Amino acid sequence: MNSVHSDQYLSKIQKIQIGKRIGYEYYFHKSYLSHLESETAETFSKIAGDFSIPHDNWNILKIHKKIARLSYLFYPGFDKEPYPELVKSHFVDLLKKSCKILDYSQSSNPPILHRKELFVPEDYLHYREFEQITGEAEKNGLYSGDNRKIGYKKQWMELLSAK
C-alpha cells in the first residue's frame, strides 16, 4: 500500500470549509470534490484506493480537521429520499493505517441525514429541492430542540409522529 501519511492528509484538508460542519468534522457529498484543489481531491481518491473502497460504494465524505480520520459513507437514497439512511461506512484511520467497515443495511435504527443542501454545492442538480425539504421541516418545528436525537431513523420517526 502506497498510503497517504497522516500529516500530509491533515495539511491538505485544513483549507476545506465546505459541507455540513459539526465541531471539527465536515460532511460533504462527492460532487464537491470537483470544487476542491485537484491535489486535495486526488488525496481522497487515493485513500479510497489504498483501502479498496469502490467509488460507487460511497457518496458522502466525513473528515475530521484535527485527527487523521475520515469516513466514506454510503447513503443510496441521497438524491431520492428526503432523509436518507446510512447503509455502509468505511472508517479510515490514517495513523493506524486501518479501515473498519460498518454495515447498517440490516439496522432497524440507522443514522439518517438532514439538511442535505449543506452537503452539496449550489450547482448540484437537487440543491433547490433539498432546500425546500429543509424549509418545510423548519416551518414545522422539526429542528427545534435537541438535534442530536434526530440523527437516527427511530428517533426521527418518533418526532414526526409527535408533530
N, C-alpha and C. Protein backbone atom coordinates (compact mmCIF):
# COMPACT_ATOMS: atom_id res chain seq x y z
N MET A 1 0.85 -1.18 0.00
CA MET A 1 0.00 0.00 0.00
C MET A 1 0.89 1.23 0.00
N ASN A 2 0.61 2.13 -0.90
CA ASN A 2 1.36 3.36 -1.03
C ASN A 2 0.55 4.48 -0.40
N SER A 3 0.33 4.40 0.89
CA SER A 3 -0.68 5.21 1.55
C SER A 3 -0.25 6.65 1.81
N VAL A 4 -1.27 7.48 1.98
CA VAL A 4 -1.09 8.88 2.33
C VAL A 4 -0.73 8.93 3.81
N HIS A 5 0.28 9.69 4.15
CA HIS A 5 0.66 9.84 5.55
C HIS A 5 -0.30 10.79 6.25
N SER A 6 -0.51 10.55 7.53
CA SER A 6 -1.50 11.33 8.28
C SER A 6 -1.17 12.81 8.29
N ASP A 7 0.13 13.18 8.41
CA ASP A 7 0.47 14.60 8.43
C ASP A 7 0.24 15.25 7.07
N GLN A 8 0.47 14.52 5.97
CA GLN A 8 0.19 15.04 4.63
C GLN A 8 -1.31 15.29 4.48
N TYR A 9 -2.08 14.34 4.92
CA TYR A 9 -3.54 14.45 4.84
C TYR A 9 -4.03 15.67 5.61
N LEU A 10 -3.59 15.81 6.85
CA LEU A 10 -4.04 16.93 7.68
C LEU A 10 -3.65 18.27 7.07
N SER A 11 -2.49 18.37 6.48
CA SER A 11 -2.08 19.64 5.86
C SER A 11 -2.95 19.95 4.65
N LYS A 12 -3.36 18.94 3.90
CA LYS A 12 -4.17 19.16 2.70
C LYS A 12 -5.61 19.58 3.02
N ILE A 13 -6.15 19.11 4.12
CA ILE A 13 -7.57 19.36 4.38
C ILE A 13 -7.83 20.63 5.20
N GLN A 14 -6.80 21.30 5.65
CA GLN A 14 -7.00 22.46 6.52
C GLN A 14 -7.81 23.58 5.88
N LYS A 15 -7.72 23.73 4.57
CA LYS A 15 -8.44 24.80 3.88
C LYS A 15 -9.91 24.46 3.62
N ILE A 16 -10.28 23.22 3.79
CA ILE A 16 -11.65 22.81 3.47
C ILE A 16 -12.64 23.43 4.45
N GLN A 17 -13.58 24.15 3.89
CA GLN A 17 -14.65 24.80 4.66
C GLN A 17 -15.99 24.57 3.98
N ILE A 18 -16.19 23.39 3.44
CA ILE A 18 -17.40 23.10 2.68
C ILE A 18 -18.24 22.05 3.42
N GLY A 19 -19.47 21.95 3.00
CA GLY A 19 -20.33 20.91 3.54
C GLY A 19 -20.96 21.29 4.86
N LYS A 20 -21.44 20.28 5.54
CA LYS A 20 -22.09 20.45 6.84
C LYS A 20 -21.04 20.27 7.92
N ARG A 21 -20.94 21.26 8.78
CA ARG A 21 -19.93 21.22 9.83
C ARG A 21 -20.57 20.89 11.17
N ILE A 22 -19.94 19.93 11.87
CA ILE A 22 -20.34 19.59 13.24
C ILE A 22 -19.04 19.48 14.03
N GLY A 23 -18.76 20.48 14.84
CA GLY A 23 -17.50 20.51 15.58
C GLY A 23 -16.33 20.60 14.62
N TYR A 24 -15.38 19.68 14.74
CA TYR A 24 -14.22 19.64 13.85
C TYR A 24 -14.44 18.74 12.65
N GLU A 25 -15.65 18.26 12.48
CA GLU A 25 -15.94 17.35 11.37
C GLU A 25 -16.74 18.07 10.29
N TYR A 26 -16.39 17.75 9.05
CA TYR A 26 -17.09 18.27 7.89
C TYR A 26 -17.62 17.10 7.08
N TYR A 27 -18.87 17.21 6.66
CA TYR A 27 -19.51 16.19 5.85
C TYR A 27 -19.83 16.84 4.50
N PHE A 28 -19.43 16.19 3.41
CA PHE A 28 -19.79 16.73 2.11
C PHE A 28 -19.93 15.62 1.08
N HIS A 29 -20.77 15.92 0.09
CA HIS A 29 -21.07 14.99 -0.99
C HIS A 29 -19.88 14.91 -1.94
N LYS A 30 -19.70 13.77 -2.59
CA LYS A 30 -18.57 13.59 -3.50
C LYS A 30 -18.60 14.58 -4.66
N SER A 31 -19.76 15.17 -4.96
CA SER A 31 -19.83 16.18 -6.03
C SER A 31 -18.98 17.40 -5.70
N TYR A 32 -18.69 17.60 -4.42
CA TYR A 32 -17.84 18.73 -4.01
C TYR A 32 -16.37 18.51 -4.37
N LEU A 33 -15.97 17.29 -4.67
CA LEU A 33 -14.57 17.03 -4.99
C LEU A 33 -14.08 17.89 -6.15
N SER A 34 -14.96 18.13 -7.11
CA SER A 34 -14.57 18.96 -8.27
C SER A 34 -14.40 20.43 -7.89
N HIS A 35 -14.83 20.83 -6.70
CA HIS A 35 -14.69 22.20 -6.24
C HIS A 35 -13.44 22.40 -5.37
N LEU A 36 -12.75 21.31 -5.08
CA LEU A 36 -11.54 21.37 -4.26
C LEU A 36 -10.32 21.51 -5.15
N GLU A 37 -9.20 21.89 -4.54
CA GLU A 37 -7.93 21.86 -5.27
C GLU A 37 -7.73 20.43 -5.74
N SER A 38 -7.25 20.26 -6.96
CA SER A 38 -7.14 18.92 -7.54
C SER A 38 -6.28 17.99 -6.69
N GLU A 39 -5.22 18.51 -6.09
CA GLU A 39 -4.36 17.68 -5.25
C GLU A 39 -5.10 17.16 -4.01
N THR A 40 -5.97 17.99 -3.45
CA THR A 40 -6.75 17.57 -2.29
C THR A 40 -7.79 16.53 -2.69
N ALA A 41 -8.48 16.76 -3.80
CA ALA A 41 -9.47 15.79 -4.29
C ALA A 41 -8.79 14.46 -4.60
N GLU A 42 -7.61 14.51 -5.20
CA GLU A 42 -6.88 13.29 -5.52
C GLU A 42 -6.48 12.53 -4.25
N THR A 43 -6.24 13.26 -3.17
CA THR A 43 -5.89 12.62 -1.90
C THR A 43 -7.03 11.73 -1.43
N PHE A 44 -8.26 12.21 -1.52
CA PHE A 44 -9.42 11.42 -1.10
C PHE A 44 -9.58 10.18 -1.98
N SER A 45 -9.35 10.34 -3.28
CA SER A 45 -9.44 9.20 -4.20
C SER A 45 -8.32 8.20 -3.92
N LYS A 46 -7.13 8.70 -3.63
CA LYS A 46 -6.00 7.82 -3.34
C LYS A 46 -6.24 7.02 -2.06
N ILE A 47 -6.76 7.68 -1.03
CA ILE A 47 -7.05 6.98 0.23
C ILE A 47 -8.09 5.89 -0.02
N ALA A 48 -9.13 6.22 -0.76
CA ALA A 48 -10.16 5.21 -1.08
C ALA A 48 -9.53 4.03 -1.81
N GLY A 49 -8.65 4.32 -2.74
CA GLY A 49 -7.97 3.24 -3.47
C GLY A 49 -7.07 2.41 -2.57
N ASP A 50 -6.34 3.09 -1.68
CA ASP A 50 -5.45 2.38 -0.76
C ASP A 50 -6.19 1.38 0.11
N PHE A 51 -7.44 1.70 0.44
CA PHE A 51 -8.22 0.82 1.32
C PHE A 51 -9.31 0.06 0.57
N SER A 52 -9.16 0.01 -0.75
CA SER A 52 -10.08 -0.75 -1.62
C SER A 52 -11.54 -0.38 -1.41
N ILE A 53 -11.80 0.90 -1.31
CA ILE A 53 -13.18 1.39 -1.17
C ILE A 53 -13.66 1.77 -2.58
N PRO A 54 -14.59 1.00 -3.14
CA PRO A 54 -15.06 1.28 -4.50
C PRO A 54 -15.70 2.66 -4.60
N HIS A 55 -15.48 3.32 -5.75
CA HIS A 55 -16.01 4.67 -5.96
C HIS A 55 -17.53 4.73 -5.85
N ASP A 56 -18.20 3.63 -6.23
CA ASP A 56 -19.66 3.62 -6.17
C ASP A 56 -20.19 3.11 -4.83
N ASN A 57 -19.30 2.98 -3.85
CA ASN A 57 -19.67 2.48 -2.52
C ASN A 57 -19.70 3.59 -1.47
N TRP A 58 -19.67 4.84 -1.92
CA TRP A 58 -19.76 5.97 -1.01
C TRP A 58 -20.23 7.20 -1.79
N ASN A 59 -20.90 8.11 -1.09
CA ASN A 59 -21.28 9.37 -1.71
C ASN A 59 -21.11 10.57 -0.77
N ILE A 60 -20.83 10.31 0.50
CA ILE A 60 -20.57 11.38 1.47
C ILE A 60 -19.22 11.11 2.12
N LEU A 61 -18.42 12.17 2.22
CA LEU A 61 -17.16 12.10 2.96
C LEU A 61 -17.34 12.80 4.29
N LYS A 62 -16.83 12.19 5.32
CA LYS A 62 -16.81 12.80 6.65
C LYS A 62 -15.34 12.93 7.02
N ILE A 63 -14.87 14.16 7.17
CA ILE A 63 -13.47 14.36 7.51
C ILE A 63 -13.36 15.03 8.87
N HIS A 64 -12.30 14.75 9.57
CA HIS A 64 -12.00 15.37 10.85
C HIS A 64 -10.81 16.29 10.63
N LYS A 65 -10.93 17.55 11.05
CA LYS A 65 -9.89 18.53 10.78
C LYS A 65 -8.69 18.44 11.71
N LYS A 66 -8.81 17.77 12.84
CA LYS A 66 -7.72 17.71 13.81
C LYS A 66 -7.07 16.34 13.92
N ILE A 67 -7.78 15.30 13.50
CA ILE A 67 -7.30 13.93 13.62
C ILE A 67 -7.33 13.30 12.22
N ALA A 68 -6.33 12.54 11.87
CA ALA A 68 -6.24 11.95 10.53
C ALA A 68 -7.18 10.76 10.39
N ARG A 69 -8.47 11.07 10.46
CA ARG A 69 -9.51 10.06 10.30
C ARG A 69 -10.55 10.61 9.33
N LEU A 70 -11.12 9.71 8.56
CA LEU A 70 -12.20 10.10 7.67
C LEU A 70 -13.08 8.88 7.41
N SER A 71 -14.30 9.16 6.98
CA SER A 71 -15.23 8.08 6.68
C SER A 71 -15.82 8.30 5.30
N TYR A 72 -15.92 7.22 4.57
CA TYR A 72 -16.58 7.19 3.27
C TYR A 72 -17.95 6.58 3.54
N LEU A 73 -18.98 7.39 3.45
CA LEU A 73 -20.33 6.98 3.84
C LEU A 73 -21.20 6.75 2.60
N PHE A 74 -22.06 5.75 2.69
CA PHE A 74 -22.93 5.44 1.56
C PHE A 74 -24.39 5.56 1.96
N TYR A 75 -25.04 6.55 1.36
CA TYR A 75 -26.47 6.79 1.50
C TYR A 75 -27.10 6.60 0.12
N PRO A 76 -27.52 5.38 -0.24
CA PRO A 76 -28.02 5.15 -1.60
C PRO A 76 -29.23 5.99 -1.97
N GLY A 77 -30.02 6.40 -0.99
CA GLY A 77 -31.21 7.21 -1.28
C GLY A 77 -30.96 8.70 -1.21
N PHE A 78 -29.72 9.12 -1.27
CA PHE A 78 -29.39 10.54 -1.07
C PHE A 78 -30.19 11.46 -1.97
N ASP A 79 -30.27 11.18 -3.25
CA ASP A 79 -30.98 12.08 -4.16
C ASP A 79 -32.50 11.93 -4.12
N LYS A 80 -32.99 10.75 -3.75
CA LYS A 80 -34.43 10.47 -3.86
C LYS A 80 -35.21 10.58 -2.54
N GLU A 81 -34.56 10.31 -1.42
CA GLU A 81 -35.26 10.30 -0.14
C GLU A 81 -35.00 11.61 0.62
N PRO A 82 -36.04 12.17 1.26
CA PRO A 82 -35.82 13.42 1.99
C PRO A 82 -34.85 13.27 3.16
N TYR A 83 -34.86 12.11 3.81
CA TYR A 83 -33.98 11.85 4.95
C TYR A 83 -33.36 10.47 4.76
N PRO A 84 -32.34 10.39 3.90
CA PRO A 84 -31.78 9.08 3.54
C PRO A 84 -31.07 8.38 4.70
N GLU A 85 -31.07 7.05 4.62
CA GLU A 85 -30.45 6.22 5.65
C GLU A 85 -29.03 5.83 5.25
N LEU A 86 -28.16 5.78 6.23
CA LEU A 86 -26.80 5.29 6.02
C LEU A 86 -26.84 3.77 5.90
N VAL A 87 -26.22 3.25 4.84
CA VAL A 87 -26.19 1.81 4.61
C VAL A 87 -24.82 1.23 4.95
N LYS A 88 -23.77 1.99 4.62
CA LYS A 88 -22.42 1.47 4.86
C LYS A 88 -21.45 2.62 5.14
N SER A 89 -20.51 2.34 6.02
CA SER A 89 -19.45 3.31 6.36
C SER A 89 -18.10 2.61 6.32
N HIS A 90 -17.16 3.25 5.64
CA HIS A 90 -15.76 2.81 5.67
C HIS A 90 -15.02 3.84 6.51
N PHE A 91 -14.67 3.48 7.73
CA PHE A 91 -13.99 4.38 8.66
C PHE A 91 -12.48 4.16 8.54
N VAL A 92 -11.77 5.18 8.08
CA VAL A 92 -10.33 5.09 7.83
C VAL A 92 -9.58 5.88 8.89
N ASP A 93 -8.63 5.21 9.52
CA ASP A 93 -7.72 5.85 10.48
C ASP A 93 -6.34 5.83 9.83
N LEU A 94 -5.87 6.99 9.37
CA LEU A 94 -4.60 7.05 8.66
C LEU A 94 -3.41 6.82 9.58
N LEU A 95 -3.54 7.16 10.84
CA LEU A 95 -2.44 6.94 11.78
C LEU A 95 -2.22 5.44 12.00
N LYS A 96 -3.33 4.72 12.17
CA LYS A 96 -3.24 3.26 12.37
C LYS A 96 -3.19 2.50 11.05
N LYS A 97 -3.39 3.22 9.94
CA LYS A 97 -3.44 2.59 8.61
C LYS A 97 -4.47 1.45 8.58
N SER A 98 -5.67 1.79 9.06
CA SER A 98 -6.72 0.77 9.14
C SER A 98 -8.03 1.30 8.55
N CYS A 99 -8.87 0.36 8.18
CA CYS A 99 -10.19 0.69 7.67
C CYS A 99 -11.19 -0.28 8.30
N LYS A 100 -12.18 0.27 8.96
CA LYS A 100 -13.24 -0.53 9.58
C LYS A 100 -14.53 -0.30 8.79
N ILE A 101 -15.16 -1.39 8.40
CA ILE A 101 -16.41 -1.29 7.64
C ILE A 101 -17.58 -1.55 8.57
N LEU A 102 -18.52 -0.62 8.56
CA LEU A 102 -19.75 -0.77 9.35
C LEU A 102 -20.91 -0.90 8.38
N ASP A 103 -21.71 -1.94 8.54
CA ASP A 103 -22.83 -2.21 7.65
C ASP A 103 -24.12 -1.94 8.42
N TYR A 104 -24.90 -0.97 7.95
CA TYR A 104 -26.17 -0.61 8.59
C TYR A 104 -27.37 -1.12 7.80
N SER A 105 -27.13 -1.92 6.76
CA SER A 105 -28.22 -2.32 5.87
C SER A 105 -29.32 -3.11 6.58
N GLN A 106 -28.99 -3.80 7.65
CA GLN A 106 -29.99 -4.57 8.38
C GLN A 106 -30.41 -3.89 9.70
N SER A 107 -29.91 -2.68 9.93
CA SER A 107 -30.21 -1.98 11.18
C SER A 107 -31.65 -1.48 11.20
N SER A 108 -32.28 -1.61 12.34
CA SER A 108 -33.64 -1.07 12.49
C SER A 108 -33.60 0.42 12.85
N ASN A 109 -32.42 0.92 13.18
CA ASN A 109 -32.29 2.33 13.55
C ASN A 109 -30.99 2.92 12.99
N PRO A 110 -30.89 3.00 11.65
CA PRO A 110 -29.67 3.54 11.05
C PRO A 110 -29.59 5.06 11.19
N PRO A 111 -28.38 5.62 11.10
CA PRO A 111 -28.25 7.07 11.03
C PRO A 111 -28.93 7.59 9.76
N ILE A 112 -29.46 8.81 9.84
CA ILE A 112 -30.09 9.45 8.69
C ILE A 112 -29.52 10.86 8.54
N LEU A 113 -29.72 11.42 7.35
CA LEU A 113 -29.24 12.78 7.07
C LEU A 113 -30.37 13.79 7.09
N HIS A 114 -30.03 14.98 7.51
CA HIS A 114 -30.91 16.15 7.47
C HIS A 114 -30.16 17.28 6.79
N ARG A 115 -30.89 18.25 6.29
CA ARG A 115 -30.29 19.46 5.70
C ARG A 115 -29.33 19.11 4.57
N LYS A 116 -29.81 18.32 3.64
CA LYS A 116 -28.96 17.81 2.56
C LYS A 116 -28.35 18.91 1.70
N GLU A 117 -28.98 20.07 1.63
CA GLU A 117 -28.41 21.15 0.82
C GLU A 117 -27.04 21.60 1.34
N LEU A 118 -26.77 21.34 2.61
CA LEU A 118 -25.47 21.71 3.17
C LEU A 118 -24.34 20.78 2.70
N PHE A 119 -24.68 19.62 2.21
CA PHE A 119 -23.69 18.63 1.79
C PHE A 119 -23.22 18.82 0.34
N VAL A 120 -23.96 19.61 -0.43
CA VAL A 120 -23.69 19.71 -1.86
C VAL A 120 -23.42 21.16 -2.27
N PRO A 121 -22.71 21.35 -3.40
CA PRO A 121 -22.53 22.71 -3.91
C PRO A 121 -23.85 23.25 -4.47
N GLU A 122 -23.96 24.56 -4.58
CA GLU A 122 -25.20 25.18 -5.05
C GLU A 122 -25.56 24.79 -6.48
N ASP A 123 -24.58 24.34 -7.26
CA ASP A 123 -24.87 23.94 -8.64
C ASP A 123 -25.29 22.47 -8.75
N TYR A 124 -25.47 21.80 -7.63
CA TYR A 124 -25.90 20.40 -7.62
C TYR A 124 -27.33 20.31 -8.12
N LEU A 125 -27.63 19.30 -8.91
CA LEU A 125 -28.93 19.15 -9.57
C LEU A 125 -30.12 19.28 -8.61
N HIS A 126 -30.03 18.70 -7.41
CA HIS A 126 -31.17 18.68 -6.49
C HIS A 126 -31.05 19.71 -5.36
N TYR A 127 -30.15 20.65 -5.48
CA TYR A 127 -29.90 21.61 -4.40
C TYR A 127 -31.19 22.33 -3.97
N ARG A 128 -31.93 22.90 -4.89
CA ARG A 128 -33.15 23.67 -4.55
C ARG A 128 -34.20 22.77 -3.89
N GLU A 129 -34.33 21.56 -4.39
CA GLU A 129 -35.26 20.60 -3.80
C GLU A 129 -34.87 20.31 -2.34
N PHE A 130 -33.57 20.13 -2.10
CA PHE A 130 -33.09 19.88 -0.73
C PHE A 130 -33.38 21.07 0.17
N GLU A 131 -33.21 22.28 -0.36
CA GLU A 131 -33.52 23.50 0.41
C GLU A 131 -35.00 23.53 0.80
N GLN A 132 -35.87 23.14 -0.12
CA GLN A 132 -37.31 23.13 0.15
C GLN A 132 -37.66 22.13 1.25
N ILE A 133 -37.04 20.95 1.23
CA ILE A 133 -37.29 19.94 2.26
C ILE A 133 -36.89 20.48 3.63
N THR A 134 -35.73 21.12 3.70
CA THR A 134 -35.26 21.71 4.96
C THR A 134 -36.19 22.83 5.40
N GLY A 135 -36.61 23.66 4.46
CA GLY A 135 -37.52 24.76 4.78
C GLY A 135 -38.83 24.27 5.37
N GLU A 136 -39.38 23.21 4.81
CA GLU A 136 -40.63 22.64 5.33
C GLU A 136 -40.43 22.08 6.74
N ALA A 137 -39.30 21.41 6.96
CA ALA A 137 -39.01 20.85 8.28
C ALA A 137 -38.86 21.97 9.31
N GLU A 138 -38.18 23.03 8.93
CA GLU A 138 -38.01 24.17 9.85
C GLU A 138 -39.35 24.81 10.15
N LYS A 139 -40.18 25.00 9.11
CA LYS A 139 -41.50 25.61 9.27
C LYS A 139 -42.38 24.80 10.23
N ASN A 140 -42.19 23.49 10.21
CA ASN A 140 -42.98 22.60 11.07
C ASN A 140 -42.32 22.32 12.42
N GLY A 141 -41.24 23.05 12.72
CA GLY A 141 -40.59 22.94 14.02
C GLY A 141 -39.84 21.64 14.25
N LEU A 142 -39.47 20.94 13.18
CA LEU A 142 -38.81 19.65 13.35
C LEU A 142 -37.35 19.75 13.80
N TYR A 143 -36.75 20.93 13.62
CA TYR A 143 -35.36 21.09 14.01
C TYR A 143 -35.20 21.88 15.31
N SER A 144 -36.29 22.19 15.96
CA SER A 144 -36.19 22.89 17.25
C SER A 144 -36.01 21.83 18.34
N GLY A 145 -35.20 22.13 19.30
CA GLY A 145 -34.94 21.15 20.35
C GLY A 145 -33.57 20.52 20.19
N ASP A 146 -33.39 19.35 20.77
CA ASP A 146 -32.12 18.66 20.77
C ASP A 146 -31.92 17.90 19.46
N ASN A 147 -31.15 18.48 18.54
CA ASN A 147 -30.97 17.89 17.21
C ASN A 147 -30.10 16.63 17.22
N ARG A 148 -29.39 16.36 18.31
CA ARG A 148 -28.58 15.14 18.36
C ARG A 148 -29.47 13.90 18.34
N LYS A 149 -30.68 14.04 18.82
CA LYS A 149 -31.59 12.90 18.91
C LYS A 149 -32.24 12.54 17.58
N ILE A 150 -32.23 13.44 16.60
CA ILE A 150 -32.94 13.17 15.35
C ILE A 150 -32.03 12.58 14.27
N GLY A 151 -30.81 12.25 14.59
CA GLY A 151 -29.88 11.71 13.62
C GLY A 151 -30.06 10.23 13.34
N TYR A 152 -31.07 9.63 13.96
CA TYR A 152 -31.33 8.21 13.77
C TYR A 152 -32.79 8.02 13.37
N LYS A 153 -33.03 7.03 12.56
CA LYS A 153 -34.36 6.80 11.98
C LYS A 153 -35.46 6.70 13.03
N LYS A 154 -35.25 5.90 14.06
CA LYS A 154 -36.30 5.68 15.06
C LYS A 154 -36.69 6.99 15.77
N GLN A 155 -35.70 7.74 16.20
CA GLN A 155 -35.98 9.00 16.89
C GLN A 155 -36.63 10.01 15.95
N TRP A 156 -36.20 10.01 14.69
CA TRP A 156 -36.79 10.91 13.71
C TRP A 156 -38.26 10.55 13.48
N MET A 157 -38.54 9.27 13.36
CA MET A 157 -39.93 8.85 13.14
C MET A 157 -40.81 9.16 14.36
N GLU A 158 -40.25 9.03 15.55
CA GLU A 158 -40.98 9.39 16.76
C GLU A 158 -41.31 10.88 16.77
N LEU A 159 -40.34 11.70 16.36
CA LEU A 159 -40.58 13.15 16.30
C LEU A 159 -41.64 13.48 15.27
N LEU A 160 -41.60 12.84 14.11
CA LEU A 160 -42.62 13.09 13.08
C LEU A 160 -44.00 12.70 13.59
N SER A 161 -44.09 11.58 14.30
CA SER A 161 -45.38 11.14 14.85
C SER A 161 -45.89 12.13 15.90
N ALA A 162 -44.98 12.66 16.71
CA ALA A 162 -45.38 13.60 17.77
C ALA A 162 -45.85 14.94 17.19
N LYS A 163 -45.28 15.33 16.06
CA LYS A 163 -45.65 16.63 15.46
C LYS A 163 -46.90 16.49 14.64
